[in-house]
Protein backbone atom coordinates (compact mmCIF):
# COMPACT_ATOMS: atom_id res chain seq x y z
CA UNK A 1 0.00 0.00 0.00
CA UNK A 2 1.38 3.38 -1.03
CA UNK A 3 0.03 6.51 0.66
CA UNK A 4 0.78 10.01 -0.61
CA UNK A 5 -0.06 12.90 1.70
CA UNK A 6 -1.35 16.04 -0.03
CA UNK A 7 -0.89 18.94 2.38
CA UNK A 8 -3.05 22.04 2.48
CA UNK A 9 -1.34 24.02 5.26
CA UNK A 10 -3.39 27.12 4.48
CA UNK A 11 -6.37 25.33 6.07
CA UNK A 12 -4.58 22.84 8.30
CA UNK A 13 -5.87 19.85 6.33
CA UNK A 14 -4.59 16.82 4.44
CA UNK A 15 -5.90 14.82 1.50
CA UNK A 16 -4.65 11.34 0.64
CA UNK A 17 -3.89 9.24 -2.43
CA UNK A 18 -3.76 5.51 -1.68
CA UNK A 19 -2.87 2.92 -4.32
CA UNK A 20 -1.61 -0.63 -4.85
CA UNK A 21 0.62 0.27 -7.78
CA UNK A 22 -2.20 -0.05 -10.30
CA UNK A 23 -5.41 1.60 -9.09
CA UNK A 24 -6.01 4.37 -6.60
CA UNK A 25 -8.38 5.90 -4.08
CA UNK A 26 -8.39 9.57 -3.06
CA UNK A 27 -9.82 10.58 0.32
CA UNK A 28 -11.02 14.11 1.20
CA UNK A 29 -9.82 15.95 -1.89
CA UNK A 30 -9.47 19.71 -1.71
CA UNK A 31 -11.23 21.76 -4.35
CA UNK A 32 -8.13 22.55 -6.44
CA UNK A 33 -7.89 19.04 -7.83
CA UNK A 34 -5.10 19.78 -10.29
CA UNK A 35 -2.68 19.04 -7.42
CA UNK A 36 -4.24 15.61 -6.96
CA UNK A 37 -4.32 14.86 -10.67
CA UNK A 38 -0.64 15.69 -10.96
CA UNK A 39 0.23 13.19 -8.22
CA UNK A 40 -2.01 10.51 -9.77
CA UNK A 41 -0.27 10.98 -13.10
CA UNK A 42 3.16 10.90 -11.50
CA UNK A 43 2.30 7.65 -9.69
CA UNK A 44 1.18 6.08 -12.97
CA UNK A 45 -2.04 4.69 -11.49
CA UNK A 46 -5.72 4.75 -12.46
CA UNK A 47 -8.05 6.64 -10.15
CA UNK A 48 -11.10 4.42 -9.63
CA UNK A 49 -12.52 5.68 -6.33
CA UNK A 50 -12.89 9.02 -4.54
CA UNK A 51 -14.20 9.08 -0.97
CA UNK A 52 -15.35 11.60 1.63
CA UNK A 53 -15.13 11.01 5.35
CA UNK A 54 -17.87 13.59 5.88
CA UNK A 55 -19.62 16.64 4.47
CA UNK A 56 -16.86 19.11 5.25
CA UNK A 57 -17.39 22.31 7.20
CA UNK A 58 -14.01 23.97 6.68
CA UNK A 59 -13.46 23.73 2.93
CA UNK A 60 -15.22 23.15 -0.37
CA UNK A 61 -14.51 19.64 -1.62
CA UNK A 62 -13.07 18.74 -4.99
CA UNK A 63 -14.21 15.15 -4.64
CA UNK A 64 -17.27 15.33 -6.86
CA UNK A 65 -15.52 17.00 -9.78
CA UNK A 66 -12.50 14.71 -9.42
CA UNK A 67 -14.67 11.60 -9.51
CA UNK A 68 -16.64 12.80 -12.53
CA UNK A 69 -13.55 13.77 -14.51
CA UNK A 70 -11.97 10.36 -13.97
CA UNK A 71 -15.09 8.20 -14.13
CA UNK A 72 -14.44 7.10 -10.54
CA UNK A 73 -16.95 5.91 -7.97
CA UNK A 74 -17.72 8.73 -5.53
CA UNK A 75 -18.07 7.16 -2.09
CA UNK A 76 -20.26 9.25 0.20
CA UNK A 77 -22.30 8.12 3.18
CA UNK A 78 -25.75 7.12 1.96
CA UNK A 79 -27.27 8.83 5.00
CA UNK A 80 -25.97 12.26 3.94
CA UNK A 81 -28.56 14.47 2.25
CA UNK A 82 -26.84 15.57 -0.96
CA UNK A 83 -28.03 16.92 -4.30
CA UNK A 84 -25.81 14.87 -6.60
CA UNK A 85 -25.39 11.27 -7.66
CA UNK A 86 -22.86 9.31 -5.59
CA UNK A 87 -22.06 5.73 -4.70
CA UNK A 88 -23.76 5.45 -1.31
CA UNK A 89 -21.81 3.59 1.35
CA UNK A 90 -22.63 2.52 4.90
CA UNK A 91 -21.06 1.23 8.08
CA UNK A 92 -19.49 -2.21 7.80
CA UNK A 93 -19.34 -2.21 4.01
CA UNK A 94 -16.08 -3.21 2.33
CA UNK A 95 -15.06 -1.72 -1.01
CA UNK A 96 -12.30 -3.29 -3.10
CA UNK A 97 -9.94 -0.86 -4.81
CA UNK A 98 -7.68 -3.14 -6.79
CA UNK A 99 -5.86 -5.16 -4.11
CA UNK A 100 -6.82 -2.67 -1.39
CA UNK A 101 -9.59 -3.61 1.02
CA UNK A 102 -11.40 -0.49 2.21
CA UNK A 103 -13.73 -1.02 5.19
CA UNK A 104 -16.26 1.68 6.02
CA UNK A 105 -16.46 2.45 9.75
CA UNK A 106 -19.14 4.77 11.14
CA UNK A 107 -17.44 7.29 13.43
CA UNK A 108 -20.01 10.00 14.24
CA UNK A 109 -18.93 12.94 16.36
CA UNK A 110 -17.48 15.59 14.09
CA UNK A 111 -20.72 15.21 12.09
CA UNK A 112 -23.65 12.85 12.51
CA UNK A 113 -22.77 10.69 9.50
CA UNK A 114 -18.99 10.83 9.71
CA UNK A 115 -17.09 7.83 8.35
CA UNK A 116 -13.55 6.56 8.74
CA UNK A 117 -11.86 4.16 6.32
CA UNK A 118 -9.79 1.18 7.40
CA UNK A 119 -7.57 0.27 4.44
CA UNK A 120 -5.73 -3.07 4.41
CA UNK A 121 -3.22 -4.46 1.96
CA UNK A 122 -0.58 -7.16 2.25
CA UNK A 123 -0.67 -7.20 6.04
CA UNK A 124 -0.61 -3.41 6.39
CA UNK A 125 -3.37 -1.35 7.99
CA UNK A 126 -4.09 2.36 7.70
CA UNK A 127 -6.93 4.34 9.26
CA UNK A 128 -8.15 7.44 7.44
CA UNK A 129 -10.03 9.14 10.24
CA UNK A 130 -11.11 12.49 8.76
CA UNK A 131 -12.36 14.56 11.69
CA UNK A 132 -12.65 11.69 14.16
CA UNK A 133 -9.40 10.74 15.95
CA UNK A 134 -6.70 13.33 15.24
CA UNK A 135 -3.11 13.54 16.42
CA UNK A 136 -3.56 14.30 20.12
CA UNK A 137 -7.23 15.21 19.95
CA UNK A 138 -10.49 14.75 18.05
CA UNK A 139 -12.49 16.85 15.63
CA UNK A 140 -14.63 19.54 17.17
CA UNK A 141 -18.24 18.67 17.86
CA UNK A 142 -20.06 22.01 17.76
CA UNK A 143 -20.18 22.80 14.05
CA UNK A 144 -23.74 21.57 13.52
CA UNK A 145 -25.24 23.77 16.23
CA UNK A 146 -25.22 23.92 20.01
CA UNK A 147 -28.25 21.63 20.26
CA UNK A 148 -26.15 18.78 18.84
CA UNK A 149 -22.86 19.41 20.64
CA UNK A 150 -23.31 17.26 23.74
CA UNK A 151 -24.59 14.27 21.79
CA UNK A 152 -21.87 14.54 19.17
CA UNK A 153 -19.18 14.78 21.85
CA UNK A 154 -20.41 11.53 23.37
CA UNK A 155 -20.36 10.12 19.84
CA UNK A 156 -16.71 11.14 19.43
CA UNK A 157 -15.83 9.26 22.59
CA UNK A 158 -17.60 6.13 21.37
CA UNK A 159 -16.21 6.42 17.83
CA UNK A 160 -12.63 6.53 19.10
CA UNK A 161 -13.25 3.26 20.91
CA UNK A 162 -14.88 1.78 17.83
CA UNK A 163 -11.74 2.52 15.82
CA UNK A 164 -9.61 0.94 18.54
CA UNK A 165 -11.60 -2.27 18.13
CA UNK A 166 -11.59 -2.27 14.33
CA UNK A 167 -7.86 -1.67 13.80
CA UNK A 168 -4.66 -2.88 15.42
CA UNK A 169 -2.39 -0.59 17.40
CA UNK A 170 0.10 -0.75 14.53
CA UNK A 171 -2.34 0.81 12.07
CA UNK A 172 -0.97 4.07 10.69
CA UNK A 173 -3.32 6.98 11.41
CA UNK A 174 -4.10 9.50 8.68
CA UNK A 175 -6.50 12.24 9.84
CA UNK A 176 -7.77 14.99 7.54
CA UNK A 177 -7.89 17.75 10.15
CA UNK A 178 -5.67 18.82 13.01
CA UNK A 179 -2.66 20.45 11.35
CA UNK A 180 -3.76 23.97 12.24
CA UNK A 181 -7.40 23.50 11.28
CA UNK A 182 -10.11 25.06 13.43
CA UNK A 183 -11.91 21.74 12.96
CA UNK A 184 -9.68 20.36 15.72
CA UNK A 185 -11.10 20.57 19.23
CA UNK A 186 -7.59 20.76 20.75
CA UNK A 187 -5.21 20.10 22.26
CA UNK A 188 -3.95 18.66 18.96
CA UNK A 189 -0.22 18.03 18.78
CA UNK A 190 2.23 19.13 16.15
CA UNK A 191 2.94 15.56 15.11
CA UNK A 192 3.30 14.86 11.39
CA UNK A 193 2.67 11.10 11.66
CA UNK A 194 1.37 8.60 14.19
CA UNK A 195 -0.14 5.19 14.71
CA UNK A 196 -3.38 4.33 16.43
CA UNK A 197 -1.33 2.68 19.19
CA UNK A 198 0.57 5.90 19.85
CA UNK A 199 -2.74 7.69 20.24
CA UNK A 200 -3.84 5.22 22.90
CA UNK A 201 -1.19 6.66 25.23
CA UNK A 202 -1.13 10.31 24.13
CA UNK A 203 -4.61 11.34 22.98
CA UNK A 204 -7.02 12.59 25.64
CA UNK A 205 -9.93 10.74 24.03
CA UNK A 206 -8.14 7.52 25.05
CA UNK A 207 -6.21 8.54 28.17
CA UNK A 208 -9.23 10.07 29.90
CA UNK A 209 -11.31 7.17 31.21
CA UNK A 210 -14.27 9.21 32.50
CA UNK A 211 -16.60 9.83 29.57
CA UNK A 212 -18.60 12.59 31.27
CA UNK A 213 -15.43 14.43 32.24
CA UNK A 214 -14.07 14.13 28.69
CA UNK A 215 -17.33 15.51 27.27
CA UNK A 216 -17.52 18.45 29.69
CA UNK A 217 -13.84 19.37 29.25
CA UNK A 218 -13.92 19.19 25.46
CA UNK A 219 -17.01 21.38 25.28
CA UNK A 220 -15.61 23.86 27.82
CA UNK A 221 -12.50 24.31 25.69
CA UNK A 222 -14.21 24.79 22.35
CA UNK A 223 -13.33 28.23 20.98
CA UNK A 224 -14.53 30.47 18.15
CA UNK A 225 -14.22 29.15 14.61
CA UNK A 226 -14.26 31.01 11.28
CA UNK A 227 -17.61 32.37 10.18
CA UNK A 228 -17.08 31.08 6.64
CA UNK A 229 -17.70 27.57 7.94
CA UNK A 230 -21.42 28.27 7.70
CA UNK A 231 -21.12 28.33 3.91
CA UNK A 232 -19.09 25.14 3.48
CA UNK A 233 -21.58 22.41 4.45
CA UNK A 234 -24.35 23.68 2.15
CA UNK A 235 -21.89 24.11 -0.73
CA UNK A 236 -20.60 20.57 -0.32
CA UNK A 237 -24.08 19.07 -0.06
CA UNK A 238 -25.14 20.91 -3.21
CA UNK A 239 -22.19 19.60 -5.25
CA UNK A 240 -19.36 22.06 -5.87
CA UNK A 241 -18.21 22.96 -9.35
CA UNK A 242 -14.62 23.15 -10.54
CA UNK A 243 -13.09 26.54 -9.68
CA UNK A 244 -11.68 29.00 -12.18
CA UNK A 245 -8.12 29.55 -10.98
CA UNK A 246 -7.02 31.89 -13.76
CA UNK A 247 -5.89 35.44 -13.02
CA UNK A 248 -8.44 37.90 -14.44
CA UNK A 249 -7.57 40.93 -16.55
CA UNK A 250 -6.32 43.75 -14.37
CA UNK A 251 -8.85 46.46 -13.54
CA UNK A 252 -8.22 49.84 -15.13
CA UNK A 253 -7.38 52.75 -12.79
CA UNK A 254 -10.80 54.38 -13.00
CA UNK A 255 -12.63 51.16 -12.11
CA UNK A 256 -10.35 50.55 -9.14
CA UNK A 257 -10.87 54.14 -8.00
CA UNK A 258 -14.65 53.76 -8.33
CA UNK A 259 -14.63 50.60 -6.21
CA UNK A 260 -12.61 52.26 -3.48
CA UNK A 261 -14.85 55.31 -3.46
CA UNK A 262 -17.89 53.03 -3.23
CA UNK A 263 -16.45 51.33 -0.14
CA UNK A 264 -16.07 47.92 -1.76
CA UNK A 265 -13.72 45.26 -0.39
CA UNK A 266 -10.39 45.98 -2.07
CA UNK A 267 -7.65 43.87 -0.47
CA UNK A 268 -3.96 44.78 -0.64
CA UNK A 269 -1.85 41.60 -0.55
CA UNK A 270 1.53 43.18 0.18
CA UNK A 271 3.48 42.68 3.40
CA UNK A 272 2.00 44.61 6.31
CA UNK A 273 5.23 46.63 6.67
CA UNK A 274 4.93 47.97 3.12
CA UNK A 275 1.20 48.53 3.54
CA UNK A 276 1.49 50.61 6.72
CA UNK A 277 4.13 52.83 5.08
CA UNK A 278 1.92 53.68 2.08
CA UNK A 279 -1.30 52.35 0.59
CA UNK A 280 -4.32 53.42 -1.41
CA UNK A 281 -6.95 55.01 0.78
CA UNK A 282 -9.84 52.62 1.36
CA UNK A 283 -7.95 49.38 0.82
CA UNK A 284 -7.71 46.65 3.46
CA UNK A 285 -4.48 44.91 4.41
CA UNK A 286 -4.44 41.12 4.17
CA UNK A 287 -0.79 40.21 3.75
CA UNK A 288 -0.60 37.12 1.57
CA UNK A 289 2.64 35.61 2.88
CA UNK A 290 2.31 31.82 2.88
CA UNK A 291 -1.47 32.02 2.68
CA UNK A 292 -2.26 30.39 6.03
CA UNK A 293 -3.33 33.45 8.02
CA UNK A 294 -4.57 35.10 4.82
CA UNK A 295 -7.13 32.42 3.98
CA UNK A 296 -8.43 31.94 7.49
CA UNK A 297 -8.81 35.57 8.48
CA UNK A 298 -10.03 36.94 5.16
CA UNK A 299 -12.62 34.19 5.05
CA UNK A 300 -13.57 34.98 8.65
CA UNK A 301 -14.04 38.72 8.08
CA UNK A 302 -15.12 39.06 4.46
CA UNK A 303 -18.89 39.43 3.76
CA UNK A 304 -19.59 36.60 1.29
CA UNK A 305 -22.34 38.54 -0.46
CA UNK A 306 -19.95 41.24 -1.66
CA UNK A 307 -17.50 41.50 -4.56
CA UNK A 308 -13.85 41.04 -3.66
CA UNK A 309 -11.00 42.80 -5.46
CA UNK A 310 -7.38 41.76 -4.93
CA UNK A 311 -4.47 44.16 -5.37
CA UNK A 312 -0.97 42.74 -5.60
CA UNK A 313 1.72 41.04 -7.66
CA UNK A 314 0.64 38.48 -10.21
CA UNK A 315 2.13 35.67 -8.11
CA UNK A 316 0.31 36.73 -4.94
CA UNK A 317 -2.98 37.25 -6.79
CA UNK A 318 -2.70 33.84 -8.45
CA UNK A 319 -1.96 32.09 -5.14
CA UNK A 320 -4.70 33.99 -3.34
CA UNK A 321 -7.30 33.00 -5.97
CA UNK A 322 -6.39 29.33 -5.46
CA UNK A 323 -6.54 29.59 -1.67
CA UNK A 324 -9.84 31.46 -1.66
CA UNK A 325 -11.47 28.96 -4.02
CA UNK A 326 -11.04 26.33 -1.30
CA UNK A 327 -13.40 28.27 0.96
CA UNK A 328 -15.91 29.15 -1.74
CA UNK A 329 -14.77 32.69 -2.60
CA UNK A 330 -14.77 32.39 -6.37
CA UNK A 331 -13.55 34.61 -9.19
CA UNK A 332 -12.37 37.72 -7.36
CA UNK A 333 -11.42 40.67 -9.53
CA UNK A 334 -7.87 41.97 -9.41
CA UNK A 335 -5.62 44.94 -10.03
CA UNK A 336 -2.27 43.33 -10.79
CA UNK A 337 0.97 45.15 -10.09
CA UNK A 338 3.81 45.56 -7.60
CA UNK A 339 3.02 49.20 -6.79
CA UNK A 340 -0.61 50.03 -5.90
CA UNK A 341 0.00 53.76 -6.41
CA UNK A 342 0.62 53.08 -10.10
CA UNK A 343 -2.59 51.05 -10.39
CA UNK A 344 -4.78 53.98 -9.35
CA UNK A 345 -2.82 57.24 -9.66
CA UNK A 346 -5.86 59.39 -8.84
CA UNK A 347 -6.53 57.68 -5.51
CA UNK A 348 -4.85 59.39 -2.54
CA UNK A 349 -2.20 57.43 -0.68
CA UNK A 350 -2.19 57.23 3.09
CA UNK A 351 -0.29 55.54 5.93
CA UNK A 352 -0.34 54.89 9.66
CA UNK A 353 2.38 54.33 12.29
CA UNK A 354 3.77 50.87 12.91
CA UNK A 355 5.63 50.17 16.17
CA UNK A 356 6.90 47.42 18.45
CA UNK A 357 6.40 47.17 22.20
CA UNK A 358 9.19 49.68 22.80
CA UNK A 359 7.27 52.10 20.61
CA UNK A 360 4.15 51.60 22.70
CA UNK A 361 6.05 52.33 25.90
CA UNK A 362 7.81 55.36 24.47
CA UNK A 363 5.09 56.88 22.34
CA UNK A 364 1.71 56.16 23.92
CA UNK A 365 0.37 58.95 26.12
CA UNK A 366 -1.61 57.92 29.17
CA UNK A 367 -5.27 57.33 28.43
CA UNK A 368 -4.93 56.29 24.79
CA UNK A 369 -6.60 52.93 24.11
CA UNK A 370 -4.76 49.67 23.63
CA UNK A 371 -7.03 47.59 21.41
CA UNK A 372 -6.49 43.82 21.60
CA UNK A 373 -7.97 42.06 18.53
CA UNK A 374 -7.14 38.50 19.57
CA UNK A 375 -9.94 36.00 20.23
CA UNK A 376 -11.75 36.21 23.56
CA UNK A 377 -10.13 33.07 24.97
CA UNK A 378 -6.68 34.45 24.19
CA UNK A 379 -7.54 37.70 25.95
CA UNK A 380 -8.96 35.88 28.97
CA UNK A 381 -5.78 33.83 29.35
CA UNK A 382 -3.55 36.92 29.48
CA UNK A 383 -3.76 40.52 28.32
CA UNK A 384 -2.24 43.94 28.76
CA UNK A 385 -3.75 45.65 31.77
CA UNK A 386 -6.51 48.01 30.66
CA UNK A 387 -6.62 46.78 27.07
CA UNK A 388 -9.99 46.72 25.29
CA UNK A 389 -10.78 43.42 23.55
CA UNK A 390 -12.69 43.36 20.26
CA UNK A 391 -11.69 40.23 18.28
CA UNK A 392 -10.76 40.85 14.66
CA UNK A 393 -13.61 38.67 13.40
CA UNK A 394 -16.09 40.91 15.27
CA UNK A 395 -14.48 44.26 14.49
CA UNK A 396 -16.49 45.19 11.39
CA UNK A 397 -19.83 44.61 13.11
CA UNK A 398 -18.73 46.20 16.40
CA UNK A 399 -17.03 49.28 14.96
CA UNK A 400 -19.39 51.55 16.90
CA UNK A 401 -17.97 50.10 20.14
CA UNK A 402 -14.41 51.13 19.32
CA UNK A 403 -13.27 53.87 21.71
CA UNK A 404 -12.59 57.34 20.35
CA UNK A 405 -9.09 58.68 19.94
CA UNK A 406 -5.83 57.06 18.93
CA UNK A 407 -5.85 53.24 19.02
CA UNK A 408 -2.77 51.12 19.67
CA UNK A 409 -3.78 47.87 17.99
CA UNK A 410 -2.13 44.53 18.77
CA UNK A 411 -2.76 40.78 18.40
CA UNK A 412 -0.63 37.68 18.89
CA UNK A 413 1.94 38.20 16.15
CA UNK A 414 1.16 41.37 14.21
CA UNK A 415 -0.87 39.82 11.39
CA UNK A 416 -4.37 40.33 12.75
CA UNK A 417 -3.51 43.76 14.14
CA UNK A 418 -2.35 44.76 10.64
CA UNK A 419 -5.73 43.77 9.23
CA UNK A 420 -7.51 45.51 12.11
CA UNK A 421 -5.51 48.72 11.71
CA UNK A 422 -6.49 48.91 8.04
CA UNK A 423 -10.16 48.31 8.84
CA UNK A 424 -10.06 50.97 11.55
CA UNK A 425 -8.42 53.51 9.26
CA UNK A 426 -10.96 52.69 6.55
CA UNK A 427 -13.71 53.46 9.08
CA UNK A 428 -12.18 56.85 9.88
CA UNK A 429 -10.35 55.81 13.07
CA UNK A 430 -6.77 56.68 14.10
CA UNK A 431 -4.79 53.42 14.46
CA UNK A 432 -1.21 52.61 15.39
CA UNK A 433 -0.24 49.13 14.26
CA UNK A 434 1.59 47.28 17.04
CA UNK A 435 3.53 44.74 15.00
CA UNK A 436 4.97 42.54 17.75
CA UNK A 437 4.66 39.14 19.40
CA UNK A 438 2.27 39.25 22.34
CA UNK A 439 4.35 36.81 24.38
CA UNK A 440 7.14 39.42 24.41
CA UNK A 441 4.95 42.19 25.85
CA UNK A 442 5.57 41.41 29.53
CA UNK A 443 9.35 41.23 29.09
CA UNK A 444 9.20 44.56 27.26
CA UNK A 445 7.63 46.15 30.34
CA UNK A 446 3.91 46.23 29.53
CA UNK A 447 1.72 45.70 32.63
CA UNK A 448 -0.18 42.41 32.37
CA UNK A 449 -3.47 41.07 33.69
CA UNK A 450 -5.45 37.86 33.44
């Protein structure tokens, strides 16, 4: 059995290609399937089956399109209410993929109809657990609504034990979530590989023997998750189409100016340092970087019913289009160029200060607000004494709660505070971007609380 891991670090997920040297199965394909097709071609195998562990809540699947393009069976739980033709599968069923034996194991918890796949070949076992057992944790259980959370958390407990009975401790574990995904309930580890047996001694779903305590603790530690998740389940149940990943023609200067003057979402992809120094008035800073923070936080803040325009280099725009397609933001417009000022010469340029903790200590007069845009649980754990907390993902809707006067805006690393500073400036506020690591604030001399 050969397993190829297809990483999507921007979302903290993995997809998998499994084959016997001749025919192949893909599990939990991301929407940009060209990556998968390239690996299938390189392996020299025929793709005969595509499977989903569940109807995903954190990304738009590419499974349906992949299966149709390759004439493969699309294995989806028969109990899931979907709007497309699939090969329905159920608990206990075994599917043969060439010499691979693929057993379907019901593992509800992350969703009601969640499945795991136990794949066996030539004495080897592998468990593809989706959002069930992860490395060090399990998938979160609150994505289908609070009324289901307690029951689904009990289901996660039972499903972990079901997997322990179905597979040996030597079975290699291949989860879909848990590599930075908000689909993990925590405390997921940073492991890159594991076996089911290793999880028996390290994962709290196995080490905690009191089911009620496990359920209460997991639920108590569930934190906020991106608002774009609400769009993913319905999109996946409806049957996603193949995305258009091409870079559109660049907007002309007058059109870009008109969009900025109309208050549309025009996102500058440059590094936050360059953005703070000079940018087109009305743009919003979402530094592209490696795409991880970009995808999560833009998806969390962006109103899905509005048009999105990207401003940046061709490479950044192209990468951003691919990343955004995975969360259902399709076909954004773009103004392509290294220097935004040249893309809209008639739009005024502006800037705001950017400082570290030493700049806060030296430059902030008493009484000016420190605005903490981290999530509430981060703030509760530790914060700067007197800081006001409005999480970035709530800032747009809570702008009327922002205190008057100059705002010294910080987060955990500088990324979210860069986004927040641009949103505040766009709303007519007076921000200072504190571009610094929060865990260095106390050593720098900031008074702490919490």
